[in-house]
PDB file of N, CA and C in Angstrom:
ATOM      1  N   UNK A   1       0.435  -1.357   0.021  1.00  0.00           N
ATOM      2  CA  UNK A   1       0.143   0.115   0.277  1.00  0.00           C
ATOM      3  C   UNK A   1       0.742   1.392   0.067  1.00  0.00           C
ATOM      4  N   UNK A   2       2.262   1.526  -0.120  1.00  0.00           N
ATOM      5  CA  UNK A   2       3.511   2.445  -0.033  1.00  0.00           C
ATOM      6  C   UNK A   2       3.366   2.371   0.914  1.00  0.00           C
ATOM      7  N   UNK A   3       3.530   1.919   2.323  1.00  0.00           N
ATOM      8  CA  UNK A   3       3.591   2.886   3.821  1.00  0.00           C
ATOM      9  C   UNK A   3       4.554   1.594   4.062  1.00  0.00           C
ATOM     10  N   UNK A   4       5.178   2.639   5.376  1.00  0.00           N
ATOM     11  CA  UNK A   4       6.502   1.605   5.702  1.00  0.00           C
ATOM     12  C   UNK A   4       5.785  -0.201   6.519  1.00  0.00           C
ATOM     13  N   UNK A   5       6.439  -0.433   6.690  1.00  0.00           N
ATOM     14  CA  UNK A   5       6.026  -2.112   7.758  1.00  0.00           C
ATOM     15  C   UNK A   5       5.472  -1.441   8.919  1.00  0.00           C
ATOM     16  N   UNK A   6       6.015  -0.466   9.628  1.00  0.00           N
ATOM     17  CA  UNK A   6       5.649  -0.308  10.949  1.00  0.00           C
ATOM     18  C   UNK A   6       4.101   0.480  11.017  1.00  0.00           C
ATOM     19  N   UNK A   7       4.439   0.906  10.018  1.00  0.00           N
ATOM     20  CA  UNK A   7       2.687   2.038  10.226  1.00  0.00           C
ATOM     21  C   UNK A   7       2.134   1.133   9.345  1.00  0.00           C
ATOM     22  N   UNK A   8       2.252   0.845   8.386  1.00  0.00           N
ATOM     23  CA  UNK A   8       1.210  -0.265   7.867  1.00  0.00           C
ATOM     24  C   UNK A   8       0.569  -1.147   9.192  1.00  0.00           C
ATOM     25  N   UNK A   9       0.794  -1.344   9.695  1.00  0.00           N
ATOM     26  CA  UNK A   9       0.306  -2.452  11.156  1.00  0.00           C
ATOM     27  C   UNK A   9       0.001  -2.048  12.045  1.00  0.00           C
ATOM     28  N   UNK A  10       0.221  -0.549  12.487  1.00  0.00           N
ATOM     29  CA  UNK A  10      -0.234   0.146  12.613  1.00  0.00           C
ATOM     30  C   UNK A  10      -1.854   0.479  12.446  1.00  0.00           C
ATOM     31  N   UNK A  11      -2.030   0.551  11.389  1.00  0.00           N
ATOM     32  CA  UNK A  11      -3.050   1.327  10.583  1.00  0.00           C
ATOM     33  C   UNK A  11      -3.946   0.040   9.869  1.00  0.00           C
ATOM     34  N   UNK A  12      -3.594  -1.098  10.125  1.00  0.00           N
ATOM     35  CA  UNK A  12      -4.203  -2.551   9.649  1.00  0.00           C
ATOM     36  C   UNK A  12      -5.086  -2.748  10.964  1.00  0.00           C
ATOM     37  N   UNK A  13      -4.309  -2.715  12.287  1.00  0.00           N
ATOM     38  CA  UNK A  13      -4.092  -3.132  13.698  1.00  0.00           C
ATOM     39  C   UNK A  13      -5.694  -2.126  13.691  1.00  0.00           C
ATOM     40  N   UNK A  14      -5.030  -0.543  13.666  1.00  0.00           N
ATOM     41  CA  UNK A  14      -6.416  -0.294  13.895  1.00  0.00           C
ATOM     42  C   UNK A  14      -8.040  -0.632  12.715  1.00  0.00           C
ATOM     43  N   UNK A  15      -7.875  -0.866  12.453  1.00  0.00           N
ATOM     44  CA  UNK A  15      -9.205  -1.611  10.546  1.00  0.00           C
ATOM     45  C   UNK A  15      -9.865  -2.766  11.294  1.00  0.00           C
ATOM     46  N   UNK A  16      -9.174  -3.304  11.316  1.00  0.00           N
ATOM     47  CA  UNK A  16      -9.415  -4.609  12.792  1.00  0.00           C
ATOM     48  C   UNK A  16      -9.401  -4.510  14.347  1.00  0.00           C
ATOM     49  N   UNK A  17      -9.742  -3.697  14.443  1.00  0.00           N
ATOM     50  CA  UNK A  17     -10.519  -3.514  15.730  1.00  0.00           C
ATOM     51  C   UNK A  17     -11.097  -2.093  15.824  1.00  0.00           C
ATOM     52  N   UNK A  18     -11.543  -2.110  14.305  1.00  0.00           N
ATOM     53  CA  UNK A  18     -12.642  -1.170  14.830  1.00  0.00           C
ATOM     54  C   UNK A  18     -12.727   0.048  15.071  1.00  0.00           C
ATOM     55  N   UNK A  19     -11.685   0.787  15.531  1.00  0.00           N
ATOM     56  CA  UNK A  19     -11.279   2.104  15.897  1.00  0.00           C
ATOM     57  C   UNK A  19     -11.011   3.499  14.905  1.00  0.00           C
ATOM     58  N   UNK A  20     -10.650   2.518  13.637  1.00  0.00           N
ATOM     59  CA  UNK A  20     -10.480   3.747  13.093  1.00  0.00           C
ATOM     60  C   UNK A  20     -10.971   2.628  11.330  1.00  0.00           C
ATOM     61  N   UNK A  21     -12.016   3.502  10.808  1.00  0.00           N
ATOM     62  CA  UNK A  21     -12.644   3.163   9.359  1.00  0.00           C
ATOM     63  C   UNK A  21     -11.561   3.067   7.993  1.00  0.00           C
ATOM     64  N   UNK A  22     -11.922   2.666   7.294  1.00  0.00           N
ATOM     65  CA  UNK A  22     -11.344   2.792   5.652  1.00  0.00           C
ATOM     66  C   UNK A  22     -12.209   2.754   4.658  1.00  0.00           C
ATOM     67  N   UNK A  23     -11.407   4.483   4.137  1.00  0.00           N
ATOM     68  CA  UNK A  23     -12.172   4.845   2.813  1.00  0.00           C
ATOM     69  C   UNK A  23     -12.132   3.779   1.997  1.00  0.00           C
ATOM     70  N   UNK A  24     -12.746   3.809   0.217  1.00  0.00           N
ATOM     71  CA  UNK A  24     -12.369   3.382  -0.522  1.00  0.00           C
ATOM     72  C   UNK A  24     -11.498   2.637  -1.354  1.00  0.00           C
ATOM     73  N   UNK A  25     -11.045   3.746  -1.357  1.00  0.00           N
ATOM     74  CA  UNK A  25      -9.288   4.291  -2.342  1.00  0.00           C
ATOM     75  C   UNK A  25      -8.725   2.925  -1.402  1.00  0.00           C
ATOM     76  N   UNK A  26      -8.344   3.704  -0.052  1.00  0.00           N
ATOM     77  CA  UNK A  26      -7.565   3.011   0.847  1.00  0.00           C
ATOM     78  C   UNK A  26      -7.882   1.271   0.741  1.00  0.00           C
ATOM     79  N   UNK A  27      -8.875   0.955   0.573  1.00  0.00           N
ATOM     80  CA  UNK A  27      -9.845  -0.167   1.142  1.00  0.00           C
ATOM     81  C   UNK A  27      -9.028  -1.552  -0.651  1.00  0.00           C
ATOM     82  N   UNK A  28      -9.995  -0.217  -1.640  1.00  0.00           N
ATOM     83  CA  UNK A  28      -9.151  -0.674  -3.051  1.00  0.00           C
ATOM     84  C   UNK A  28      -7.713  -0.964  -3.470  1.00  0.00           C
ATOM     85  N   UNK A  29      -6.792  -0.251  -2.553  1.00  0.00           N
ATOM     86  CA  UNK A  29      -5.352  -0.676  -2.072  1.00  0.00           C
ATOM     87  C   UNK A  29      -5.015  -1.341  -1.730  1.00  0.00           C
ATOM     88  N   UNK A  30      -5.689  -2.130  -0.340  1.00  0.00           N
ATOM     89  CA  UNK A  30      -5.081  -3.148   0.701  1.00  0.00           C
ATOM     90  C   UNK A  30      -6.159  -4.516  -0.634  1.00  0.00           C
ATOM     91  N   UNK A  31      -7.046  -4.010  -1.008  1.00  0.00           N
ATOM     92  CA  UNK A  31      -7.448  -5.429  -1.786  1.00  0.00           C
ATOM     93  C   UNK A  31      -6.162  -6.232  -2.379  1.00  0.00           C
ATOM     94  N   UNK A  32      -5.575  -4.556  -3.665  1.00  0.00           N
ATOM     95  CA  UNK A  32      -4.184  -5.068  -4.465  1.00  0.00           C
ATOM     96  C   UNK A  32      -2.905  -5.709  -3.777  1.00  0.00           C
ATOM     97  N   UNK A  33      -3.911  -5.035  -2.352  1.00  0.00           N
ATOM     98  CA  UNK A  33      -2.174  -5.629  -2.236  1.00  0.00           C
ATOM     99  C   UNK A  33      -2.030  -7.399  -1.672  1.00  0.00           C
ATOM    100  N   UNK A  34      -3.208  -7.360  -1.192  1.00  0.00           N
ATOM    101  CA  UNK A  34      -2.769  -8.926  -0.316  1.00  0.00           C
ATOM    102  C   UNK A  34      -4.013  -9.719  -1.783  1.00  0.00           C
ATOM    103  N   UNK A  35      -3.820  -9.371  -3.291  1.00  0.00           N
ATOM    104  CA  UNK A  35      -4.225  -9.486  -4.112  1.00  0.00           C
ATOM    105  C   UNK A  35      -5.406 -10.529  -4.170  1.00  0.00           C
ATOM    106  N   UNK A  36      -7.167  -9.338  -3.985  1.00  0.00           N
ATOM    107  CA  UNK A  36      -7.559 -10.239  -3.070  1.00  0.00           C
ATOM    108  C   UNK A  36      -9.329  -9.053  -3.503  1.00  0.00           C
ATOM    109  N   UNK A  37     -10.025  -9.642  -4.286  1.00  0.00           N
ATOM    110  CA  UNK A  37     -11.768  -8.614  -4.731  1.00  0.00           C
ATOM    111  C   UNK A  37     -12.012  -8.076  -3.277  1.00  0.00           C
ATOM    112  N   UNK A  38     -12.286  -6.511  -3.451  1.00  0.00           N
ATOM    113  CA  UNK A  38     -12.819  -5.538  -2.759  1.00  0.00           C
ATOM    114  C   UNK A  38     -13.968  -6.292  -1.582  1.00  0.00           C
ATOM    115  N   UNK A  39     -14.537  -7.039  -2.244  1.00  0.00           N
ATOM    116  CA  UNK A  39     -15.411  -7.810  -1.751  1.00  0.00           C
ATOM    117  C   UNK A  39     -15.189  -8.503  -0.685  1.00  0.00           C
ATOM    118  N   UNK A  40     -14.062  -8.925  -0.959  1.00  0.00           N
ATOM    119  CA  UNK A  40     -13.829 -10.658  -0.389  1.00  0.00           C
ATOM    120  C   UNK A  40     -13.686  -9.839   1.553  1.00  0.00           C
ATOM    121  N   UNK A  41     -12.957  -8.584   1.667  1.00  0.00           N
ATOM    122  CA  UNK A  41     -12.794  -8.144   2.365  1.00  0.00           C
ATOM    123  C   UNK A  41     -13.260  -7.280   3.354  1.00  0.00           C
ATOM    124  N   UNK A  42     -14.663  -7.384   2.960  1.00  0.00           N
ATOM    125  CA  UNK A  42     -15.908  -6.711   3.574  1.00  0.00           C
ATOM    126  C   UNK A  42     -17.294  -7.887   3.672  1.00  0.00           C
ATOM    127  N   UNK A  43     -17.018  -8.956   3.906  1.00  0.00           N
ATOM    128  CA  UNK A  43     -17.521  -9.582   3.641  1.00  0.00           C
ATOM    129  C   UNK A  43     -18.340 -10.155   4.522  1.00  0.00           C
ATOM    130  N   UNK A  44     -19.910 -10.547   4.426  1.00  0.00           N
ATOM    131  CA  UNK A  44     -20.840 -10.557   5.770  1.00  0.00           C
ATOM    132  C   UNK A  44     -19.709 -11.487   6.651  1.00  0.00           C
ATOM    133  N   UNK A  45     -19.752 -12.347   6.079  1.00  0.00           N
ATOM    134  CA  UNK A  45     -18.760 -13.742   6.777  1.00  0.00           C
ATOM    135  C   UNK A  45     -18.190 -14.621   6.043  1.00  0.00           C
ATOM    136  N   UNK A  46     -17.702 -15.383   6.781  1.00  0.00           N
ATOM    137  CA  UNK A  46     -15.945 -16.342   6.213  1.00  0.00           C
ATOM    138  C   UNK A  46     -16.377 -17.168   5.151  1.00  0.00           C
ATOM    139  N   UNK A  47     -17.709 -17.675   5.019  1.00  0.00           N
ATOM    140  CA  UNK A  47     -18.058 -18.549   3.609  1.00  0.00           C
ATOM    141  C   UNK A  47     -18.437 -17.317   2.813  1.00  0.00           C
ATOM    142  N   UNK A  48     -19.233 -16.493   3.081  1.00  0.00           N
ATOM    143  CA  UNK A  48     -19.417 -15.796   1.966  1.00  0.00           C
ATOM    144  C   UNK A  48     -17.734 -14.761   0.702  1.00  0.00           C
ATOM    145  N   UNK A  49     -16.894 -14.758   1.896  1.00  0.00           N
ATOM    146  CA  UNK A  49     -15.881 -14.487   1.575  1.00  0.00           C
ATOM    147  C   UNK A  49     -15.073 -15.796   0.669  1.00  0.00           C
ATOM    148  N   UNK A  50     -15.136 -16.712   1.038  1.00  0.00           N
ATOM    149  CA  UNK A  50     -14.687 -17.987   0.205  1.00  0.00           C
ATOM    150  C   UNK A  50     -14.969 -17.981  -0.929  1.00  0.00           C
ATOM    151  N   UNK A  51     -16.426 -17.807  -1.037  1.00  0.00           N
ATOM    152  CA  UNK A  51     -17.092 -17.984  -2.037  1.00  0.00           C
ATOM    153  C   UNK A  51     -16.577 -16.729  -3.344  1.00  0.00           C
ATOM    154  N   UNK A  52     -16.695 -16.048  -2.834  1.00  0.00           N
ATOM    155  CA  UNK A  52     -15.412 -14.397  -3.463  1.00  0.00           C
ATOM    156  C   UNK A  52     -14.938 -14.606  -3.794  1.00  0.00           C
ATOM    157  N   UNK A  53     -14.036 -15.193  -3.250  1.00  0.00           N
ATOM    158  CA  UNK A  53     -12.726 -15.109  -3.689  1.00  0.00           C
ATOM    159  C   UNK A  53     -12.611 -16.139  -4.646  1.00  0.00           C
ATOM    160  N   UNK A  54     -13.333 -17.146  -4.622  1.00  0.00           N
ATOM    161  CA  UNK A  54     -13.257 -18.621  -5.384  1.00  0.00           C
ATOM    162  C   UNK A  54     -13.841 -18.099  -6.873  1.00  0.00           C
ATOM    163  N   UNK A  55     -14.628 -17.187  -7.175  1.00  0.00           N
ATOM    164  CA  UNK A  55     -15.467 -16.848  -7.564  1.00  0.00           C
ATOM    165  C   UNK A  55     -14.493 -15.772  -9.353  1.00  0.00           C
ATOM    166  N   UNK A  56     -13.443 -14.587  -7.697  1.00  0.00           N
ATOM    167  CA  UNK A  56     -13.321 -13.972  -8.147  1.00  0.00           C
ATOM    168  C   UNK A  56     -11.753 -14.734  -9.009  1.00  0.00           C
ATOM    169  N   UNK A  57     -11.782 -15.876  -8.681  1.00  0.00           N
ATOM    170  CA  UNK A  57     -10.114 -16.123  -9.607  1.00  0.00           C
ATOM    171  C   UNK A  57     -10.569 -17.261 -10.403  1.00  0.00           C
ATOM    172  N   UNK A  58     -12.269 -17.288 -11.344  1.00  0.00           N
ATOM    173  CA  UNK A  58     -12.654 -17.953 -12.257  1.00  0.00           C
ATOM    174  C   UNK A  58     -12.391 -16.445 -13.693  1.00  0.00           C
ATOM    175  N   UNK A  59     -11.843 -17.373 -15.101  1.00  0.00           N
ATOM    176  CA  UNK A  59     -11.991 -16.389 -15.837  1.00  0.00           C
ATOM    177  C   UNK A  59     -13.860 -15.956 -15.593  1.00  0.00           C
ATOM    178  N   UNK A  60     -13.612 -14.297 -16.573  1.00  0.00           N
ATOM    179  CA  UNK A  60     -14.512 -13.980 -16.717  1.00  0.00           C
ATOM    180  C   UNK A  60     -16.115 -14.667 -17.661  1.00  0.00           C
ATOM    181  N   UNK A  61     -15.162 -15.920 -18.704  1.00  0.00           N
ATOM    182  CA  UNK A  61     -16.449 -16.643 -19.633  1.00  0.00           C
ATOM    183  C   UNK A  61     -16.930 -17.774 -18.508  1.00  0.00           C
ATOM    184  N   UNK A  62     -15.839 -18.221 -17.448  1.00  0.00           N
ATOM    185  CA  UNK A  62     -16.496 -18.683 -16.233  1.00  0.00           C
ATOM    186  C   UNK A  62     -17.420 -18.087 -15.151  1.00  0.00           C
ATOM    187  N   UNK A  63     -17.206 -17.299 -15.313  1.00  0.00           N
ATOM    188  CA  UNK A  63     -18.186 -16.417 -14.243  1.00  0.00           C
ATOM    189  C   UNK A  63     -19.847 -16.008 -15.009  1.00  0.00           C
ATOM    190  N   UNK A  64     -19.543 -16.216 -16.155  1.00  0.00           N
ATOM    191  CA  UNK A  64     -20.861 -15.622 -16.978  1.00  0.00           C
ATOM    192  C   UNK A  64     -21.603 -16.886 -16.945  1.00  0.00           C
ATOM    193  N   UNK A  65     -20.609 -18.356 -16.542  1.00  0.00           N
ATOM    194  CA  UNK A  65     -21.872 -19.302 -16.543  1.00  0.00           C
ATOM    195  C   UNK A  65     -22.220 -19.772 -15.376  1.00  0.00           C
ATOM    196  N   UNK A  66     -21.672 -19.468 -14.443  1.00  0.00           N
ATOM    197  CA  UNK A  66     -21.741 -19.575 -13.357  1.00  0.00           C
ATOM    198  C   UNK A  66     -22.470 -18.532 -12.425  1.00  0.00           C
ATOM    199  N   UNK A  67     -23.494 -17.230 -13.105  1.00  0.00           N
ATOM    200  CA  UNK A  67     -24.435 -16.463 -13.568  1.00  0.00           C
ATOM    201  C   UNK A  67     -25.462 -17.041 -13.994  1.00  0.00           C
ATOM    202  N   UNK A  68     -25.837 -17.360 -15.083  1.00  0.00           N
ATOM    203  CA  UNK A  68     -26.432 -18.349 -15.683  1.00  0.00           C
ATOM    204  C   UNK A  68     -27.338 -19.068 -14.709  1.00  0.00           C
ATOM    205  N   UNK A  69     -25.496 -20.068 -14.616  1.00  0.00           N
ATOM    206  CA  UNK A  69     -26.160 -21.180 -14.350  1.00  0.00           C
ATOM    207  C   UNK A  69     -27.784 -20.540 -12.755  1.00  0.00           C
ATOM    208  N   UNK A  70     -26.959 -19.990 -11.822  1.00  0.00           N
ATOM    209  CA  UNK A  70     -27.462 -18.907 -10.630  1.00  0.00           C
ATOM    210  C   UNK A  70     -28.507 -18.428 -11.045  1.00  0.00           C
ATOM    211  N   UNK A  71     -29.172 -18.066 -12.064  1.00  0.00           N
ATOM    212  CA  UNK A  71     -30.293 -17.876 -12.385  1.00  0.00           C
ATOM    213  C   UNK A  71     -30.402 -16.215 -12.911  1.00  0.00           C
ATOM    214  N   UNK A  72     -29.201 -15.356 -13.065  1.00  0.00           N
ATOM    215  CA  UNK A  72     -28.752 -14.138 -13.426  1.00  0.00           C
ATOM    216  C   UNK A  72     -28.627 -14.013 -14.598  1.00  0.00           C
ATOM    217  N   UNK A  73     -30.243 -13.384 -15.175  1.00  0.00           N
ATOM    218  CA  UNK A  73     -30.531 -13.653 -16.463  1.00  0.00           C
ATOM    219  C   UNK A  73     -29.657 -12.318 -17.435  1.00  0.00           C
ATOM    220  N   UNK A  74     -30.025 -10.869 -16.717  1.00  0.00           N
ATOM    221  CA  UNK A  74     -29.709 -10.260 -16.700  1.00  0.00           C
ATOM    222  C   UNK A  74     -28.908 -10.314 -17.552  1.00  0.00           C
ATOM    223  N   UNK A  75     -26.918 -11.078 -16.864  1.00  0.00           N
ATOM    224  CA  UNK A  75     -26.047 -10.291 -17.503  1.00  0.00           C
ATOM    225  C   UNK A  75     -25.486 -10.721 -18.758  1.00  0.00           C
TER     226      UNK A  75
END
Protein backbone atom coordinates (compact mmCIF):
# COMPACT_ATOMS: atom_id res chain seq x y z
CA UNK A 1 0.00 0.00 0.00
CA UNK A 2 3.03 2.23 -0.07
CA UNK A 3 3.43 2.39 3.71
CA UNK A 4 6.42 1.38 5.77
CA UNK A 5 5.98 -1.84 7.73
CA UNK A 6 5.49 -0.22 11.16
CA UNK A 7 2.88 2.28 9.93
CA UNK A 8 1.06 -0.37 7.89
CA UNK A 9 0.91 -2.73 10.84
CA UNK A 10 -0.47 -0.01 13.11
CA UNK A 11 -3.05 1.07 10.54
CA UNK A 12 -4.29 -2.46 9.82
CA UNK A 13 -4.56 -3.07 13.56
CA UNK A 14 -6.79 0.02 13.89
CA UNK A 15 -8.99 -1.25 11.04
CA UNK A 16 -9.27 -4.72 12.59
CA UNK A 17 -10.18 -3.37 16.03
CA UNK A 18 -12.57 -0.87 14.43
CA UNK A 19 -10.80 2.06 16.10
CA UNK A 20 -10.79 3.74 12.71
CA UNK A 21 -12.37 3.02 9.35
CA UNK A 22 -10.93 2.75 5.87
CA UNK A 23 -12.11 4.71 2.85
CA UNK A 24 -12.81 3.05 -0.50
CA UNK A 25 -9.48 4.16 -1.95
CA UNK A 26 -7.63 2.61 0.97
CA UNK A 27 -9.77 -0.52 0.77
CA UNK A 28 -8.94 -0.84 -2.93
CA UNK A 29 -5.22 -0.46 -2.25
CA UNK A 30 -5.38 -3.03 0.54
CA UNK A 31 -7.26 -5.47 -1.71
CA UNK A 32 -4.70 -4.99 -4.49
CA UNK A 33 -1.84 -5.50 -2.05
CA UNK A 34 -3.40 -8.71 -0.73
CA UNK A 35 -4.44 -9.91 -4.20
CA UNK A 36 -8.11 -10.25 -3.32
CA UNK A 37 -11.28 -8.51 -4.53
CA UNK A 38 -12.54 -5.62 -2.39
CA UNK A 39 -15.76 -7.52 -1.72
CA UNK A 40 -13.71 -10.24 0.00
CA UNK A 41 -12.53 -7.73 2.61
CA UNK A 42 -16.05 -6.62 3.50
CA UNK A 43 -17.83 -9.96 3.22
CA UNK A 44 -20.47 -10.63 5.84
CA UNK A 45 -18.91 -13.93 6.95
CA UNK A 46 -16.11 -16.39 6.18
CA UNK A 47 -18.22 -18.53 3.86
CA UNK A 48 -19.25 -15.54 1.76
CA UNK A 49 -15.63 -14.36 1.67
CA UNK A 50 -14.46 -17.77 0.47
CA UNK A 51 -17.12 -17.83 -2.25
CA UNK A 52 -16.18 -14.33 -3.42
CA UNK A 53 -12.51 -15.27 -3.56
CA UNK A 54 -13.23 -18.47 -5.50
CA UNK A 55 -15.45 -16.65 -8.00
CA UNK A 56 -12.84 -13.91 -8.49
CA UNK A 57 -10.32 -16.56 -9.53
CA UNK A 58 -12.56 -17.82 -12.35
CA UNK A 59 -12.14 -16.57 -15.89
CA UNK A 60 -14.70 -13.99 -17.00
CA UNK A 61 -16.27 -16.65 -19.25
CA UNK A 62 -16.61 -19.07 -16.34
CA UNK A 63 -18.05 -16.33 -14.10
CA UNK A 64 -20.68 -15.63 -16.75
CA UNK A 65 -21.52 -19.36 -16.98
CA UNK A 66 -21.86 -19.52 -13.20
CA UNK A 67 -24.11 -16.44 -13.17
CA UNK A 68 -26.36 -18.09 -15.73
CA UNK A 69 -26.44 -21.33 -13.72
CA UNK A 70 -27.51 -19.27 -10.69
CA UNK A 71 -30.35 -17.76 -12.71
CA UNK A 72 -28.87 -14.31 -13.08
CA UNK A 73 -30.21 -13.80 -16.59
CA UNK A 74 -29.75 -10.04 -16.78
CA UNK A 75 -26.05 -10.38 -17.66
